[in-house]
Amino acid sequence: MPIARKPAKISNYQFMCAMLYIVENGCKWRALPKKYGNWHTIYMRFSRWSKNGTITKIIAKILEAMKKQKLLNILFIDSTSIKVSPDANKNKKNQKQSIGRSRGV
């Protein structure tokens, strides 16, 4: 016989707001602000929903709505998506920068 869970302490709206915060800020679960609720509760719901496919369905619905509104031309780039070859920074240690100063020089 499966163990019954306690009633949810957060609404689905609160959960989605917390998820958007995590995605936007890239923070760890434990760093989630208290206003979103207990981080462990949110993590457990995310884990359950990921395993049963609910998160995938939510993302599919969001993408579908974005296609209808023609909002899919948005591009996000961060440092994890840009790769630089090891030679890219070669011979730059002693050169002056054209804008601003760094390394106390």
Protein backbone atom coordinates (compact mmCIF):
# COMPACT_ATOMS: atom_id res chain seq x y z
CA MET A 1 0.00 0.00 0.00
CA PRO A 2 1.55 3.39 -1.03
CA ILE A 3 2.35 5.94 1.63
CA ALA A 4 -0.03 8.90 1.56
CA ARG A 5 1.57 12.32 1.20
CA LYS A 6 0.58 15.31 3.27
CA PRO A 7 -1.51 18.00 1.53
CA ALA A 8 0.51 20.45 -0.58
CA LYS A 9 1.77 23.46 1.34
CA ILE A 10 2.25 25.56 -1.78
CA SER A 11 0.00 26.22 -4.75
CA ASN A 12 0.94 25.33 -8.30
CA TYR A 13 1.24 29.06 -8.98
CA GLN A 14 3.81 29.46 -6.18
CA PHE A 15 5.66 26.43 -7.51
CA MET A 16 5.83 27.86 -11.04
CA CYS A 17 7.02 31.23 -9.72
CA ALA A 18 9.77 29.45 -7.78
CA MET A 19 10.76 27.46 -10.87
CA LEU A 20 10.95 30.62 -12.96
CA TYR A 21 13.13 32.20 -10.27
CA ILE A 22 15.49 29.20 -10.33
CA VAL A 23 15.71 29.27 -14.13
CA GLU A 24 16.18 33.04 -14.33
CA ASN A 25 18.82 33.28 -11.60
CA GLY A 26 20.48 29.90 -11.92
CA CYS A 27 20.61 29.49 -8.17
CA LYS A 28 20.79 26.35 -6.07
CA TRP A 29 17.64 24.94 -4.50
CA ARG A 30 18.75 25.98 -1.02
CA ALA A 31 19.27 29.58 -2.19
CA LEU A 32 15.61 29.99 -3.16
CA PRO A 33 14.13 32.98 -1.27
CA LYS A 34 11.70 32.13 1.55
CA LYS A 35 8.86 34.02 -0.18
CA TYR A 36 8.52 31.07 -2.60
CA GLY A 37 8.12 28.56 0.19
CA ASN A 38 10.28 25.77 1.56
CA TRP A 39 12.99 24.91 -0.98
CA HIS A 40 12.75 21.20 -0.19
CA THR A 41 9.00 21.13 -0.86
CA ILE A 42 9.55 22.83 -4.21
CA TYR A 43 12.42 20.49 -5.09
CA MET A 44 10.36 17.40 -4.24
CA ARG A 45 7.47 18.58 -6.42
CA PHE A 46 9.91 19.32 -9.24
CA SER A 47 11.44 15.87 -8.86
CA ARG A 48 8.04 14.13 -8.91
CA TRP A 49 6.77 16.18 -11.84
CA SER A 50 9.99 15.58 -13.78
CA LYS A 51 9.73 11.83 -13.32
CA ASN A 52 6.05 11.61 -14.30
CA GLY A 53 6.38 13.93 -17.34
CA THR A 54 4.41 16.91 -16.03
CA ILE A 55 7.31 19.36 -16.45
CA THR A 56 7.73 18.25 -20.08
CA LYS A 57 4.02 18.84 -20.72
CA ILE A 58 4.18 22.30 -19.15
CA ILE A 59 7.18 23.29 -21.29
CA ALA A 60 5.43 21.96 -24.41
CA LYS A 61 2.33 24.08 -23.64
CA ILE A 62 4.48 27.18 -23.07
CA LEU A 63 6.33 26.63 -26.37
CA GLU A 64 3.03 26.09 -28.17
CA ALA A 65 1.68 29.37 -26.81
CA MET A 66 4.89 31.15 -27.79
CA LYS A 67 4.62 29.80 -31.34
CA LYS A 68 1.06 31.13 -31.60
CA GLN A 69 2.25 34.56 -30.50
CA LYS A 70 5.41 34.34 -32.66
CA LEU A 71 7.72 34.83 -29.68
CA LEU A 72 10.21 32.09 -30.54
CA ASN A 73 12.75 34.45 -32.10
CA ILE A 74 14.28 35.14 -28.67
CA LEU A 75 17.87 33.96 -28.18
CA PHE A 76 19.62 33.55 -24.84
CA ILE A 77 23.40 33.30 -24.63
CA ASP A 78 25.45 32.93 -21.49
CA SER A 79 29.01 31.94 -20.72
CA THR A 80 28.16 28.24 -20.66
CA SER A 81 27.05 28.27 -24.30
CA ILE A 82 30.13 30.00 -25.73
CA LYS A 83 33.27 27.94 -26.11
CA VAL A 84 36.66 29.54 -26.70
CA SER A 85 39.71 27.75 -27.97
CA PRO A 86 42.76 27.59 -25.68
CA ASP A 87 44.66 29.86 -28.11
CA ALA A 88 42.07 32.63 -27.91
CA ASN A 89 43.75 34.27 -24.92
CA LYS A 90 47.33 33.69 -26.09
CA ASN A 91 49.66 36.72 -26.02
CA LYS A 92 47.09 38.92 -24.26
CA LYS A 93 48.68 39.01 -20.81
CA ASN A 94 50.91 42.03 -21.45
CA GLN A 95 48.66 43.96 -23.83
CA LYS A 96 46.74 47.01 -22.66
CA GLN A 97 43.01 46.94 -22.85
CA SER A 98 41.24 49.43 -25.04
CA ILE A 99 38.40 50.09 -22.59
CA GLY A 100 38.56 50.38 -18.81
CA ARG A 101 41.11 48.80 -16.57
CA SER A 102 41.43 45.42 -14.97
CA ARG A 103 43.90 43.46 -12.85
CA GLY A 104 44.87 46.73 -11.15
CA VAL A 105 46.92 47.89 -14.17
